[in-house]
C-alpha cells in the first residue's frame, strides 16, 4: 500500500500488494484509515460529480480520510462491489464499515447524522 499526501488530513491510497488475494487487498485498504472513500478520481481531482460531492462533504466536516481511485484498479473496482454488495461509487467506509454512496452520505450530512456517526465511531 502506498500513500500520497494531498493535504494534512487527506491521503490517496493504492493497493500495492498484488500478491495478496483480492479480499486481503480490500481489507488492507479499509484498514488504512478510520475513513476511506472509494471514488472515481481523487480528492484533488474527482472524476464524477458524486465523488466530488462526497469529497466536499468530508472536507467540510474537517475530518481526515483516505481516498482510493477505483479507475486505476479494475480488480479492486469490481471486487469491492462484491465485497460490499454495493454496486455504485463512491463508497464511504468508517472503521471498515460501509456507510453507503453519495446519496446516503448527503442525506446523513444534511440531517447531522454523518457528523455524529463519525464522531462516535
PDB file of N, CA and C in Angstrom:
ATOM      1  N   UNK A   1       0.849  -1.158   0.000  1.00  0.00           N
ATOM      2  CA  UNK A   1       0.000   0.000   0.000  1.00  0.00           C
ATOM      3  C   UNK A   1       0.899   1.226   0.000  1.00  0.00           C
ATOM      4  N   UNK A   2       0.523   2.255  -0.769  1.00  0.00           N
ATOM      5  CA  UNK A   2       1.297   3.481  -0.768  1.00  0.00           C
ATOM      6  C   UNK A   2       0.370   4.649  -0.501  1.00  0.00           C
ATOM      7  N   UNK A   3       0.952   5.775  -0.087  1.00  0.00           N
ATOM      8  CA  UNK A   3       0.186   6.949   0.268  1.00  0.00           C
ATOM      9  C   UNK A   3       0.755   8.165  -0.440  1.00  0.00           C
ATOM     10  N   UNK A   4      -0.102   8.991  -0.973  1.00  0.00           N
ATOM     11  CA  UNK A   4       0.268  10.299  -1.497  1.00  0.00           C
ATOM     12  C   UNK A   4      -0.480  11.320  -0.664  1.00  0.00           C
ATOM     13  N   UNK A   5       0.246  12.228  -0.007  1.00  0.00           N
ATOM     14  CA  UNK A   5      -0.400  13.219   0.839  1.00  0.00           C
ATOM     15  C   UNK A   5      -0.981  14.316  -0.040  1.00  0.00           C
ATOM     16  N   UNK A   6      -2.287  14.548   0.069  1.00  0.00           N
ATOM     17  CA  UNK A   6      -2.961  15.582  -0.696  1.00  0.00           C
ATOM     18  C   UNK A   6      -3.043  16.877   0.105  1.00  0.00           C
ATOM     19  N   UNK A   7      -3.256  16.795   1.369  1.00  0.00           N
ATOM     20  CA  UNK A   7      -3.114  17.900   2.312  1.00  0.00           C
ATOM     21  C   UNK A   7      -2.864  17.251   3.666  1.00  0.00           C
ATOM     22  N   UNK A   8      -2.965  17.988   4.725  1.00  0.00           N
ATOM     23  CA  UNK A   8      -2.599  17.449   6.035  1.00  0.00           C
ATOM     24  C   UNK A   8      -3.403  16.225   6.454  1.00  0.00           C
ATOM     25  N   UNK A   9      -4.665  16.163   6.033  1.00  0.00           N
ATOM     26  CA  UNK A   9      -5.536  15.114   6.544  1.00  0.00           C
ATOM     27  C   UNK A   9      -6.122  14.194   5.476  1.00  0.00           C
ATOM     28  N   UNK A  10      -5.733  14.371   4.227  1.00  0.00           N
ATOM     29  CA  UNK A  10      -6.294  13.567   3.145  1.00  0.00           C
ATOM     30  C   UNK A  10      -5.161  12.873   2.404  1.00  0.00           C
ATOM     31  N   UNK A  11      -5.284  11.551   2.262  1.00  0.00           N
ATOM     32  CA  UNK A  11      -4.270  10.787   1.545  1.00  0.00           C
ATOM     33  C   UNK A  11      -4.939   9.932   0.480  1.00  0.00           C
ATOM     34  N   UNK A  12      -4.261   9.829  -0.650  1.00  0.00           N
ATOM     35  CA  UNK A  12      -4.700   8.912  -1.697  1.00  0.00           C
ATOM     36  C   UNK A  12      -3.941   7.613  -1.497  1.00  0.00           C
ATOM     37  N   UNK A  13      -4.647   6.501  -1.522  1.00  0.00           N
ATOM     38  CA  UNK A  13      -4.029   5.199  -1.291  1.00  0.00           C
ATOM     39  C   UNK A  13      -4.153   4.328  -2.533  1.00  0.00           C
ATOM     40  N   UNK A  14      -3.286   3.330  -2.607  1.00  0.00           N
ATOM     41  CA  UNK A  14      -3.370   2.355  -3.694  1.00  0.00           C
ATOM     42  C   UNK A  14      -2.986   0.990  -3.154  1.00  0.00           C
ATOM     43  N   UNK A  15      -3.490  -0.046  -3.795  1.00  0.00           N
ATOM     44  CA  UNK A  15      -3.167  -1.418  -3.396  1.00  0.00           C
ATOM     45  C   UNK A  15      -1.838  -1.787  -4.022  1.00  0.00           C
ATOM     46  N   UNK A  16      -0.837  -2.040  -3.210  1.00  0.00           N
ATOM     47  CA  UNK A  16       0.488  -2.366  -3.726  1.00  0.00           C
ATOM     48  C   UNK A  16       0.784  -3.853  -3.672  1.00  0.00           C
ATOM     49  N   UNK A  17       0.180  -4.554  -2.727  1.00  0.00           N
ATOM     50  CA  UNK A  17       0.488  -5.971  -2.559  1.00  0.00           C
ATOM     51  C   UNK A  17      -0.395  -6.806  -3.480  1.00  0.00           C
ATOM     52  N   UNK A  18      -0.049  -6.838  -4.747  1.00  0.00           N
ATOM     53  CA  UNK A  18      -0.843  -7.570  -5.726  1.00  0.00           C
ATOM     54  C   UNK A  18      -0.655  -9.084  -5.606  1.00  0.00           C
ATOM     55  N   UNK A  19       0.259  -9.529  -4.733  1.00  0.00           N
ATOM     56  CA  UNK A  19       0.420 -10.960  -4.477  1.00  0.00           C
ATOM     57  C   UNK A  19      -0.656 -11.481  -3.527  1.00  0.00           C
ATOM     58  N   UNK A  20      -1.253 -10.560  -2.752  1.00  0.00           N
ATOM     59  CA  UNK A  20      -2.310 -10.945  -1.817  1.00  0.00           C
ATOM     60  C   UNK A  20      -3.608 -11.152  -2.591  1.00  0.00           C
ATOM     61  N   UNK A  21      -4.498 -11.988  -2.022  1.00  0.00           N
ATOM     62  CA  UNK A  21      -5.787 -12.182  -2.679  1.00  0.00           C
ATOM     63  C   UNK A  21      -6.600 -10.890  -2.580  1.00  0.00           C
ATOM     64  N   UNK A  22      -7.598 -10.773  -3.420  1.00  0.00           N
ATOM     65  CA  UNK A  22      -8.376  -9.545  -3.545  1.00  0.00           C
ATOM     66  C   UNK A  22      -9.042  -9.147  -2.228  1.00  0.00           C
ATOM     67  N   UNK A  23      -9.581 -10.112  -1.513  1.00  0.00           N
ATOM     68  CA  UNK A  23     -10.225  -9.837  -0.236  1.00  0.00           C
ATOM     69  C   UNK A  23      -9.235  -9.208   0.750  1.00  0.00           C
ATOM     70  N   UNK A  24      -8.020  -9.726   0.791  1.00  0.00           N
ATOM     71  CA  UNK A  24      -6.983  -9.184   1.677  1.00  0.00           C
ATOM     72  C   UNK A  24      -6.592  -7.784   1.247  1.00  0.00           C
ATOM     73  N   UNK A  25      -6.470  -7.557  -0.051  1.00  0.00           N
ATOM     74  CA  UNK A  25      -6.139  -6.217  -0.551  1.00  0.00           C
ATOM     75  C   UNK A  25      -7.200  -5.207  -0.111  1.00  0.00           C
ATOM     76  N   UNK A  26      -8.465  -5.575  -0.253  1.00  0.00           N
ATOM     77  CA  UNK A  26      -9.554  -4.677   0.134  1.00  0.00           C
ATOM     78  C   UNK A  26      -9.521  -4.415   1.635  1.00  0.00           C
ATOM     79  N   UNK A  27      -9.338  -5.449   2.431  1.00  0.00           N
ATOM     80  CA  UNK A  27      -9.274  -5.271   3.887  1.00  0.00           C
ATOM     81  C   UNK A  27      -8.095  -4.387   4.288  1.00  0.00           C
ATOM     82  N   UNK A  28      -6.972  -4.526   3.596  1.00  0.00           N
ATOM     83  CA  UNK A  28      -5.816  -3.663   3.875  1.00  0.00           C
ATOM     84  C   UNK A  28      -6.128  -2.205   3.550  1.00  0.00           C
ATOM     85  N   UNK A  29      -6.812  -1.984   2.450  1.00  0.00           N
ATOM     86  CA  UNK A  29      -7.205  -0.619   2.087  1.00  0.00           C
ATOM     87  C   UNK A  29      -8.163  -0.043   3.126  1.00  0.00           C
ATOM     88  N   UNK A  30      -9.127  -0.832   3.551  1.00  0.00           N
ATOM     89  CA  UNK A  30     -10.086  -0.376   4.559  1.00  0.00           C
ATOM     90  C   UNK A  30      -9.404  -0.076   5.888  1.00  0.00           C
ATOM     91  N   UNK A  31      -8.349  -0.821   6.192  1.00  0.00           N
ATOM     92  CA  UNK A  31      -7.632  -0.616   7.445  1.00  0.00           C
ATOM     93  C   UNK A  31      -6.632   0.525   7.415  1.00  0.00           C
ATOM     94  N   UNK A  32      -6.515   1.197   6.280  1.00  0.00           N
ATOM     95  CA  UNK A  32      -5.507   2.253   6.140  1.00  0.00           C
ATOM     96  C   UNK A  32      -5.890   3.543   6.857  1.00  0.00           C
ATOM     97  N   UNK A  33      -7.164   3.704   7.205  1.00  0.00           N
ATOM     98  CA  UNK A  33      -7.639   4.931   7.842  1.00  0.00           C
ATOM     99  C   UNK A  33      -8.998   4.680   8.459  1.00  0.00           C
ATOM    100  N   UNK A  34      -9.355   5.492   9.425  1.00  0.00           N
ATOM    101  CA  UNK A  34     -10.695   5.406  10.004  1.00  0.00           C
ATOM    102  C   UNK A  34     -11.756   5.638   8.931  1.00  0.00           C
ATOM    103  N   UNK A  35     -11.485   6.581   8.016  1.00  0.00           N
ATOM    104  CA  UNK A  35     -12.435   6.929   6.964  1.00  0.00           C
ATOM    105  C   UNK A  35     -11.772   6.704   5.616  1.00  0.00           C
ATOM    106  N   UNK A  36     -12.409   5.883   4.777  1.00  0.00           N
ATOM    107  CA  UNK A  36     -11.886   5.600   3.439  1.00  0.00           C
ATOM    108  C   UNK A  36     -13.014   5.811   2.432  1.00  0.00           C
ATOM    109  N   UNK A  37     -12.712   6.599   1.395  1.00  0.00           N
ATOM    110  CA  UNK A  37     -13.672   6.857   0.329  1.00  0.00           C
ATOM    111  C   UNK A  37     -13.137   6.243  -0.961  1.00  0.00           C
ATOM    112  N   UNK A  38     -13.848   5.238  -1.457  1.00  0.00           N
ATOM    113  CA  UNK A  38     -13.537   4.652  -2.756  1.00  0.00           C
ATOM    114  C   UNK A  38     -14.306   5.473  -3.772  1.00  0.00           C
ATOM    115  N   UNK A  39     -13.586   6.060  -4.719  1.00  0.00           N
ATOM    116  CA  UNK A  39     -14.199   7.048  -5.598  1.00  0.00           C
ATOM    117  C   UNK A  39     -13.599   7.026  -6.991  1.00  0.00           C
ATOM    118  N   UNK A  40     -14.195   7.774  -7.881  1.00  0.00           N
ATOM    119  CA  UNK A  40     -13.641   7.980  -9.219  1.00  0.00           C
ATOM    120  C   UNK A  40     -12.784   9.237  -9.144  1.00  0.00           C
ATOM    121  N   UNK A  41     -11.474   9.060  -9.351  1.00  0.00           N
ATOM    122  CA  UNK A  41     -10.534  10.162  -9.211  1.00  0.00           C
ATOM    123  C   UNK A  41      -9.976  10.215  -7.808  1.00  0.00           C
ATOM    124  N   UNK A  42      -9.519  11.392  -7.401  1.00  0.00           N
ATOM    125  CA  UNK A  42      -9.014  11.574  -6.043  1.00  0.00           C
ATOM    126  C   UNK A  42      -9.539  12.888  -5.485  1.00  0.00           C
ATOM    127  N   UNK A  43      -9.186  13.191  -4.254  1.00  0.00           N
ATOM    128  CA  UNK A  43      -9.734  14.374  -3.585  1.00  0.00           C
ATOM    129  C   UNK A  43      -9.363  15.668  -4.306  1.00  0.00           C
ATOM    130  N   UNK A  44      -8.218  15.699  -4.952  1.00  0.00           N
ATOM    131  CA  UNK A  44      -7.810  16.899  -5.683  1.00  0.00           C
ATOM    132  C   UNK A  44      -8.486  17.005  -7.038  1.00  0.00           C
ATOM    133  N   UNK A  45      -8.823  15.849  -7.634  1.00  0.00           N
ATOM    134  CA  UNK A  45      -9.424  15.858  -8.961  1.00  0.00           C
ATOM    135  C   UNK A  45     -10.456  14.736  -9.086  1.00  0.00           C
ATOM    136  N   UNK A  46     -11.627  14.928  -8.473  1.00  0.00           N
ATOM    137  CA  UNK A  46     -12.688  13.927  -8.631  1.00  0.00           C
ATOM    138  C   UNK A  46     -13.085  13.807 -10.099  1.00  0.00           C
ATOM    139  N   UNK A  47     -13.423  12.589 -10.513  1.00  0.00           N
ATOM    140  CA  UNK A  47     -13.757  12.339 -11.908  1.00  0.00           C
ATOM    141  C   UNK A  47     -15.257  12.192 -12.155  1.00  0.00           C
ATOM    142  N   UNK A  48     -16.074  12.461 -11.146  1.00  0.00           N
ATOM    143  CA  UNK A  48     -17.523  12.494 -11.342  1.00  0.00           C
ATOM    144  C   UNK A  48     -18.128  13.396 -10.270  1.00  0.00           C
ATOM    145  N   UNK A  49     -19.317  13.874 -10.542  1.00  0.00           N
ATOM    146  CA  UNK A  49     -19.978  14.787  -9.619  1.00  0.00           C
ATOM    147  C   UNK A  49     -20.297  14.177  -8.267  1.00  0.00           C
ATOM    148  N   UNK A  50     -20.646  12.888  -8.260  1.00  0.00           N
ATOM    149  CA  UNK A  50     -20.965  12.226  -6.993  1.00  0.00           C
ATOM    150  C   UNK A  50     -19.726  12.130  -6.107  1.00  0.00           C
ATOM    151  N   UNK A  51     -18.592  11.783  -6.714  1.00  0.00           N
ATOM    152  CA  UNK A  51     -17.340  11.716  -5.960  1.00  0.00           C
ATOM    153  C   UNK A  51     -16.949  13.103  -5.455  1.00  0.00           C
ATOM    154  N   UNK A  52     -17.105  14.120  -6.313  1.00  0.00           N
ATOM    155  CA  UNK A  52     -16.770  15.494  -5.915  1.00  0.00           C
ATOM    156  C   UNK A  52     -17.628  15.935  -4.730  1.00  0.00           C
ATOM    157  N   UNK A  53     -18.908  15.609  -4.755  1.00  0.00           N
ATOM    158  CA  UNK A  53     -19.803  15.976  -3.663  1.00  0.00           C
ATOM    159  C   UNK A  53     -19.403  15.279  -2.359  1.00  0.00           C
ATOM    160  N   UNK A  54     -19.085  13.989  -2.445  1.00  0.00           N
ATOM    161  CA  UNK A  54     -18.689  13.239  -1.245  1.00  0.00           C
ATOM    162  C   UNK A  54     -17.411  13.804  -0.639  1.00  0.00           C
ATOM    163  N   UNK A  55     -16.442  14.134  -1.488  1.00  0.00           N
ATOM    164  CA  UNK A  55     -15.195  14.742  -1.009  1.00  0.00           C
ATOM    165  C   UNK A  55     -15.493  16.084  -0.349  1.00  0.00           C
ATOM    166  N   UNK A  56     -16.331  16.897  -0.976  1.00  0.00           N
ATOM    167  CA  UNK A  56     -16.664  18.212  -0.421  1.00  0.00           C
ATOM    168  C   UNK A  56     -17.296  18.086   0.962  1.00  0.00           C
ATOM    169  N   UNK A  57     -18.166  17.113   1.135  1.00  0.00           N
ATOM    170  CA  UNK A  57     -18.804  16.903   2.435  1.00  0.00           C
ATOM    171  C   UNK A  57     -17.755  16.543   3.484  1.00  0.00           C
ATOM    172  N   UNK A  58     -16.882  15.598   3.164  1.00  0.00           N
ATOM    173  CA  UNK A  58     -15.858  15.193   4.135  1.00  0.00           C
ATOM    174  C   UNK A  58     -14.906  16.347   4.450  1.00  0.00           C
ATOM    175  N   UNK A  59     -14.537  17.111   3.441  1.00  0.00           N
ATOM    176  CA  UNK A  59     -13.672  18.277   3.683  1.00  0.00           C
ATOM    177  C   UNK A  59     -14.384  19.294   4.566  1.00  0.00           C
ATOM    178  N   UNK A  60     -15.669  19.517   4.312  1.00  0.00           N
ATOM    179  CA  UNK A  60     -16.430  20.471   5.115  1.00  0.00           C
ATOM    180  C   UNK A  60     -16.496  20.037   6.579  1.00  0.00           C
ATOM    181  N   UNK A  61     -16.554  18.732   6.798  1.00  0.00           N
ATOM    182  CA  UNK A  61     -16.568  18.223   8.181  1.00  0.00           C
ATOM    183  C   UNK A  61     -15.201  18.366   8.847  1.00  0.00           C
ATOM    184  N   UNK A  62     -14.164  18.551   8.035  1.00  0.00           N
ATOM    185  CA  UNK A  62     -12.818  18.724   8.586  1.00  0.00           C
ATOM    186  C   UNK A  62     -12.199  17.446   9.095  1.00  0.00           C
ATOM    187  N   UNK A  63     -12.634  16.315   8.566  1.00  0.00           N
ATOM    188  CA  UNK A  63     -12.090  15.032   9.016  1.00  0.00           C
ATOM    189  C   UNK A  63     -10.991  14.562   8.056  1.00  0.00           C
ATOM    190  N   UNK A  64     -10.035  13.838   8.595  1.00  0.00           N
ATOM    191  CA  UNK A  64      -9.023  13.214   7.761  1.00  0.00           C
ATOM    192  C   UNK A  64      -9.607  11.957   7.130  1.00  0.00           C
ATOM    193  N   UNK A  65      -9.203  11.693   5.898  1.00  0.00           N
ATOM    194  CA  UNK A  65      -9.696  10.489   5.232  1.00  0.00           C
ATOM    195  C   UNK A  65      -8.745  10.089   4.121  1.00  0.00           C
ATOM    196  N   UNK A  66      -8.833   8.820   3.743  1.00  0.00           N
ATOM    197  CA  UNK A  66      -8.082   8.301   2.606  1.00  0.00           C
ATOM    198  C   UNK A  66      -9.030   8.117   1.434  1.00  0.00           C
ATOM    199  N   UNK A  67      -8.487   8.281   0.235  1.00  0.00           N
ATOM    200  CA  UNK A  67      -9.258   8.014  -0.974  1.00  0.00           C
ATOM    201  C   UNK A  67      -8.566   6.929  -1.773  1.00  0.00           C
ATOM    202  N   UNK A  68      -9.370   6.184  -2.520  1.00  0.00           N
ATOM    203  CA  UNK A  68      -8.844   5.181  -3.434  1.00  0.00           C
ATOM    204  C   UNK A  68      -9.504   5.416  -4.781  1.00  0.00           C
ATOM    205  N   UNK A  69      -8.700   5.615  -5.816  1.00  0.00           N
ATOM    206  CA  UNK A  69      -9.206   5.858  -7.160  1.00  0.00           C
ATOM    207  C   UNK A  69      -9.509   4.518  -7.830  1.00  0.00           C
ATOM    208  N   UNK A  70     -10.774   4.188  -7.907  1.00  0.00           N
ATOM    209  CA  UNK A  70     -11.174   2.895  -8.474  1.00  0.00           C
ATOM    210  C   UNK A  70     -10.926   2.813  -9.971  1.00  0.00           C
ATOM    211  N   UNK A  71     -10.739   3.956 -10.619  1.00  0.00           N
ATOM    212  CA  UNK A  71     -10.474   3.960 -12.056  1.00  0.00           C
ATOM    213  C   UNK A  71      -9.083   3.419 -12.377  1.00  0.00           C
ATOM    214  N   UNK A  72      -8.194   3.433 -11.387  1.00  0.00           N
ATOM    215  CA  UNK A  72      -6.830   2.956 -11.586  1.00  0.00           C
ATOM    216  C   UNK A  72      -6.656   1.466 -11.335  1.00  0.00           C
ATOM    217  N   UNK A  73      -7.669   0.805 -10.805  1.00  0.00           N
ATOM    218  CA  UNK A  73      -7.523  -0.607 -10.434  1.00  0.00           C
ATOM    219  C   UNK A  73      -8.832  -1.354 -10.679  1.00  0.00           C
ATOM    220  N   UNK A  74      -9.012  -1.909 -11.892  1.00  0.00           N
ATOM    221  CA  UNK A  74     -10.264  -2.595 -12.223  1.00  0.00           C
ATOM    222  C   UNK A  74     -10.575  -3.785 -11.318  1.00  0.00           C
ATOM    223  N   UNK A  75      -9.547  -4.467 -10.819  1.00  0.00           N
ATOM    224  CA  UNK A  75      -9.799  -5.617  -9.926  1.00  0.00           C
ATOM    225  C   UNK A  75     -10.419  -5.160  -8.618  1.00  0.00           C
ATOM    226  N   UNK A  76      -9.862  -4.132  -8.012  1.00  0.00           N
ATOM    227  CA  UNK A  76     -10.429  -3.599  -6.771  1.00  0.00           C
ATOM    228  C   UNK A  76     -11.812  -3.024  -7.055  1.00  0.00           C
ATOM    229  N   UNK A  77     -11.955  -2.332  -8.166  1.00  0.00           N
ATOM    230  CA  UNK A  77     -13.243  -1.730  -8.521  1.00  0.00           C
ATOM    231  C   UNK A  77     -14.354  -2.772  -8.542  1.00  0.00           C
ATOM    232  N   UNK A  78     -14.122  -3.878  -9.205  1.00  0.00           N
ATOM    233  CA  UNK A  78     -15.133  -4.938  -9.278  1.00  0.00           C
ATOM    234  C   UNK A  78     -15.217  -5.719  -7.968  1.00  0.00           C
ATOM    235  N   UNK A  79     -14.069  -6.020  -7.396  1.00  0.00           N
ATOM    236  CA  UNK A  79     -14.046  -6.808  -6.169  1.00  0.00           C
ATOM    237  C   UNK A  79     -14.736  -6.127  -5.007  1.00  0.00           C
ATOM    238  N   UNK A  80     -14.595  -4.806  -4.919  1.00  0.00           N
ATOM    239  CA  UNK A  80     -15.232  -4.075  -3.825  1.00  0.00           C
ATOM    240  C   UNK A  80     -16.755  -4.100  -3.956  1.00  0.00           C
ATOM    241  N   UNK A  81     -17.263  -4.075  -5.181  1.00  0.00           N
ATOM    242  CA  UNK A  81     -18.711  -4.173  -5.387  1.00  0.00           C
ATOM    243  C   UNK A  81     -19.242  -5.479  -4.801  1.00  0.00           C
ATOM    244  N   UNK A  82     -18.501  -6.548  -5.007  1.00  0.00           N
ATOM    245  CA  UNK A  82     -18.906  -7.852  -4.471  1.00  0.00           C
ATOM    246  C   UNK A  82     -18.687  -7.913  -2.960  1.00  0.00           C
ATOM    247  N   UNK A  83     -17.572  -7.376  -2.501  1.00  0.00           N
ATOM    248  CA  UNK A  83     -17.234  -7.369  -1.078  1.00  0.00           C
ATOM    249  C   UNK A  83     -18.311  -6.640  -0.273  1.00  0.00           C
ATOM    250  N   UNK A  84     -18.736  -5.490  -0.787  1.00  0.00           N
ATOM    251  CA  UNK A  84     -19.676  -4.639  -0.056  1.00  0.00           C
ATOM    252  C   UNK A  84     -21.136  -4.901  -0.414  1.00  0.00           C
ATOM    253  N   UNK A  85     -21.343  -5.627  -1.514  1.00  0.00           N
ATOM    254  CA  UNK A  85     -22.693  -5.813  -2.046  1.00  0.00           C
ATOM    255  C   UNK A  85     -23.339  -4.459  -2.339  1.00  0.00           C
ATOM    256  N   UNK A  86     -22.519  -3.538  -2.849  1.00  0.00           N
ATOM    257  CA  UNK A  86     -22.964  -2.192  -3.198  1.00  0.00           C
ATOM    258  C   UNK A  86     -22.476  -1.910  -4.612  1.00  0.00           C
ATOM    259  N   UNK A  87     -23.376  -1.642  -5.566  1.00  0.00           N
ATOM    260  CA  UNK A  87     -22.996  -1.624  -6.977  1.00  0.00           C
ATOM    261  C   UNK A  87     -22.382  -0.332  -7.510  1.00  0.00           C
ATOM    262  N   UNK A  88     -22.450   0.765  -6.757  1.00  0.00           N
ATOM    263  CA  UNK A  88     -22.037   2.055  -7.313  1.00  0.00           C
ATOM    264  C   UNK A  88     -20.919   2.700  -6.500  1.00  0.00           C
ATOM    265  N   UNK A  89     -20.337   3.730  -7.090  1.00  0.00           N
ATOM    266  CA  UNK A  89     -19.304   4.535  -6.441  1.00  0.00           C
ATOM    267  C   UNK A  89     -19.731   5.990  -6.479  1.00  0.00           C
ATOM    268  N   UNK A  90     -19.307   6.742  -5.460  1.00  0.00           N
ATOM    269  CA  UNK A  90     -18.364   6.424  -4.397  1.00  0.00           C
ATOM    270  C   UNK A  90     -18.984   5.527  -3.324  1.00  0.00           C
ATOM    271  N   UNK A  91     -18.076   4.953  -2.521  1.00  0.00           N
ATOM    272  CA  UNK A  91     -18.463   4.171  -1.350  1.00  0.00           C
ATOM    273  C   UNK A  91     -17.666   4.707  -0.162  1.00  0.00           C
ATOM    274  N   UNK A  92     -18.365   5.064   0.899  1.00  0.00           N
ATOM    275  CA  UNK A  92     -17.719   5.603   2.098  1.00  0.00           C
ATOM    276  C   UNK A  92     -17.726   4.563   3.207  1.00  0.00           C
ATOM    277  N   UNK A  93     -16.544   4.332   3.780  1.00  0.00           N
ATOM    278  CA  UNK A  93     -16.374   3.399   4.886  1.00  0.00           C
ATOM    279  C   UNK A  93     -15.856   4.141   6.112  1.00  0.00           C
ATOM    280  N   UNK A  94     -16.404   3.806   7.262  1.00  0.00           N
ATOM    281  CA  UNK A  94     -15.909   4.317   8.538  1.00  0.00           C
ATOM    282  C   UNK A  94     -15.598   3.103   9.400  1.00  0.00           C
ATOM    283  N   UNK A  95     -14.353   3.014   9.831  1.00  0.00           N
ATOM    284  CA  UNK A  95     -13.874   1.864  10.605  1.00  0.00           C
ATOM    285  C   UNK A  95     -14.189   0.540   9.904  1.00  0.00           C
ATOM    286  N   UNK A  96     -13.996   0.516   8.593  1.00  0.00           N
ATOM    287  CA  UNK A  96     -14.179  -0.700   7.815  1.00  0.00           C
ATOM    288  C   UNK A  96     -15.622  -1.052   7.505  1.00  0.00           C
ATOM    289  N   UNK A  97     -16.563  -0.223   7.959  1.00  0.00           N
ATOM    290  CA  UNK A  97     -17.986  -0.495   7.735  1.00  0.00           C
ATOM    291  C   UNK A  97     -18.519   0.442   6.655  1.00  0.00           C
ATOM    292  N   UNK A  98     -19.189  -0.130   5.660  1.00  0.00           N
ATOM    293  CA  UNK A  98     -19.780   0.662   4.587  1.00  0.00           C
ATOM    294  C   UNK A  98     -20.942   1.495   5.118  1.00  0.00           C
ATOM    295  N   UNK A  99     -20.858   2.818   4.885  1.00  0.00           N
ATOM    296  CA  UNK A  99     -21.994   3.678   5.207  1.00  0.00           C
ATOM    297  C   UNK A  99     -22.925   3.801   4.013  1.00  0.00           C
ATOM    298  N   UNK A 100     -22.347   3.880   2.812  1.00  0.00           N
ATOM    299  CA  UNK A 100     -23.168   3.974   1.611  1.00  0.00           C
ATOM    300  C   UNK A 100     -22.516   4.831   0.556  1.00  0.00           C
ATOM    301  N   UNK A 101     -23.320   5.198  -0.423  1.00  0.00           N
ATOM    302  CA  UNK A 101     -22.855   6.012  -1.526  1.00  0.00           C
ATOM    303  C   UNK A 101     -23.192   7.478  -1.310  1.00  0.00           C
ATOM    304  N   UNK A 102     -23.037   8.249  -2.375  1.00  0.00           N
ATOM    305  CA  UNK A 102     -23.211   9.692  -2.295  1.00  0.00           C
ATOM    306  C   UNK A 102     -24.585  10.099  -1.782  1.00  0.00           C
ATOM    307  N   UNK A 103     -25.635   9.418  -2.209  1.00  0.00           N
ATOM    308  CA  UNK A 103     -26.980   9.796  -1.769  1.00  0.00           C
ATOM    309  C   UNK A 103     -27.140   9.637  -0.261  1.00  0.00           C
ATOM    310  N   UNK A 104     -26.652   8.545   0.267  1.00  0.00           N
ATOM    311  CA  UNK A 104     -26.746   8.309   1.717  1.00  0.00           C
ATOM    312  C   UNK A 104     -25.836   9.263   2.484  1.00  0.00           C
ATOM    313  N   UNK A 105     -24.628   9.469   1.972  1.00  0.00           N
ATOM    314  CA  UNK A 105     -23.687  10.405   2.609  1.00  0.00           C
ATOM    315  C   UNK A 105     -24.319  11.797   2.684  1.00  0.00           C
ATOM    316  N   UNK A 106     -24.918  12.224   1.575  1.00  0.00           N
ATOM    317  CA  UNK A 106     -25.538  13.553   1.518  1.00  0.00           C
ATOM    318  C   UNK A 106     -26.695  13.663   2.500  1.00  0.00           C
ATOM    319  N   UNK A 107     -27.579  12.656   2.528  1.00  0.00           N
ATOM    320  CA  UNK A 107     -28.703  12.670   3.465  1.00  0.00           C
ATOM    321  C   UNK A 107     -28.230  12.686   4.907  1.00  0.00           C
ATOM    322  N   UNK A 108     -27.225  11.854   5.212  1.00  0.00           N
ATOM    323  CA  UNK A 108     -26.698  11.815   6.578  1.00  0.00           C
ATOM    324  C   UNK A 108     -26.053  13.143   6.957  1.00  0.00           C
ATOM    325  N   UNK A 109     -25.359  13.760   6.014  1.00  0.00           N
ATOM    326  CA  UNK A 109     -24.721  15.056   6.266  1.00  0.00           C
ATOM    327  C   UNK A 109     -25.779  16.125   6.544  1.00  0.00           C
ATOM    328  N   UNK A 110     -26.805  16.177   5.702  1.00  0.00           N
ATOM    329  CA  UNK A 110     -27.842  17.197   5.845  1.00  0.00           C
ATOM    330  C   UNK A 110     -28.623  17.060   7.146  1.00  0.00           C
ATOM    331  N   UNK A 111     -28.777  15.838   7.627  1.00  0.00           N
ATOM    332  CA  UNK A 111     -29.520  15.622   8.870  1.00  0.00           C
ATOM    333  C   UNK A 111     -28.640  15.738  10.116  1.00  0.00           C
ATOM    334  N   UNK A 112     -27.322  15.802   9.922  1.00  0.00           N
ATOM    335  CA  UNK A 112     -26.398  15.846  11.048  1.00  0.00           C
ATOM    336  C   UNK A 112     -25.941  14.470  11.510  1.00  0.00           C
ATOM    337  N   UNK A 113     -26.505  13.415  10.915  1.00  0.00           N
ATOM    338  CA  UNK A 113     -26.164  12.052  11.316  1.00  0.00           C
ATOM    339  C   UNK A 113     -24.721  11.676  10.965  1.00  0.00           C
ATOM    340  N   UNK A 114     -24.211  12.190   9.848  1.00  0.00           N
ATOM    341  CA  UNK A 114     -22.864  11.818   9.417  1.00  0.00           C
ATOM    342  C   UNK A 114     -21.831  12.332  10.416  1.00  0.00           C
ATOM    343  N   UNK A 115     -21.941  13.578  10.807  1.00  0.00           N
ATOM    344  CA  UNK A 115     -21.022  14.138  11.786  1.00  0.00           C
ATOM    345  C   UNK A 115     -21.067  13.344  13.088  1.00  0.00           C
ATOM    346  N   UNK A 116     -22.278  13.038  13.523  1.00  0.00           N
ATOM    347  CA  UNK A 116     -22.464  12.284  14.764  1.00  0.00           C
ATOM    348  C   UNK A 116     -21.871  10.880  14.648  1.00  0.00           C
ATOM    349  N   UNK A 117     -22.126  10.217  13.524  1.00  0.00           N
ATOM    350  CA  UNK A 117     -21.620   8.863  13.337  1.00  0.00           C
ATOM    351  C   UNK A 117     -20.093   8.831  13.332  1.00  0.00           C
ATOM    352  N   UNK A 118     -19.497   9.761  12.625  1.00  0.00           N
ATOM    353  CA  UNK A 118     -18.031   9.798  12.553  1.00  0.00           C
ATOM    354  C   UNK A 118     -17.431  10.086  13.909  1.00  0.00           C
ATOM    355  N   UNK A 119     -18.056  10.978  14.652  1.00  0.00           N
ATOM    356  CA  UNK A 119     -17.562  11.329  15.982  1.00  0.00           C
ATOM    357  C   UNK A 119     -17.648  10.148  16.946  1.00  0.00           C
ATOM    358  N   UNK A 120     -18.732   9.383  16.886  1.00  0.00           N
ATOM    359  CA  UNK A 120     -18.947   8.271  17.816  1.00  0.00           C
ATOM    360  C   UNK A 120     -18.174   7.015  17.437  1.00  0.00           C
ATOM    361  N   UNK A 121     -17.809   6.857  16.177  1.00  0.00           N
ATOM    362  CA  UNK A 121     -17.158   5.630  15.723  1.00  0.00           C
ATOM    363  C   UNK A 121     -15.703   5.840  15.413  1.00  0.00           C
TER     364      UNK A 121
END
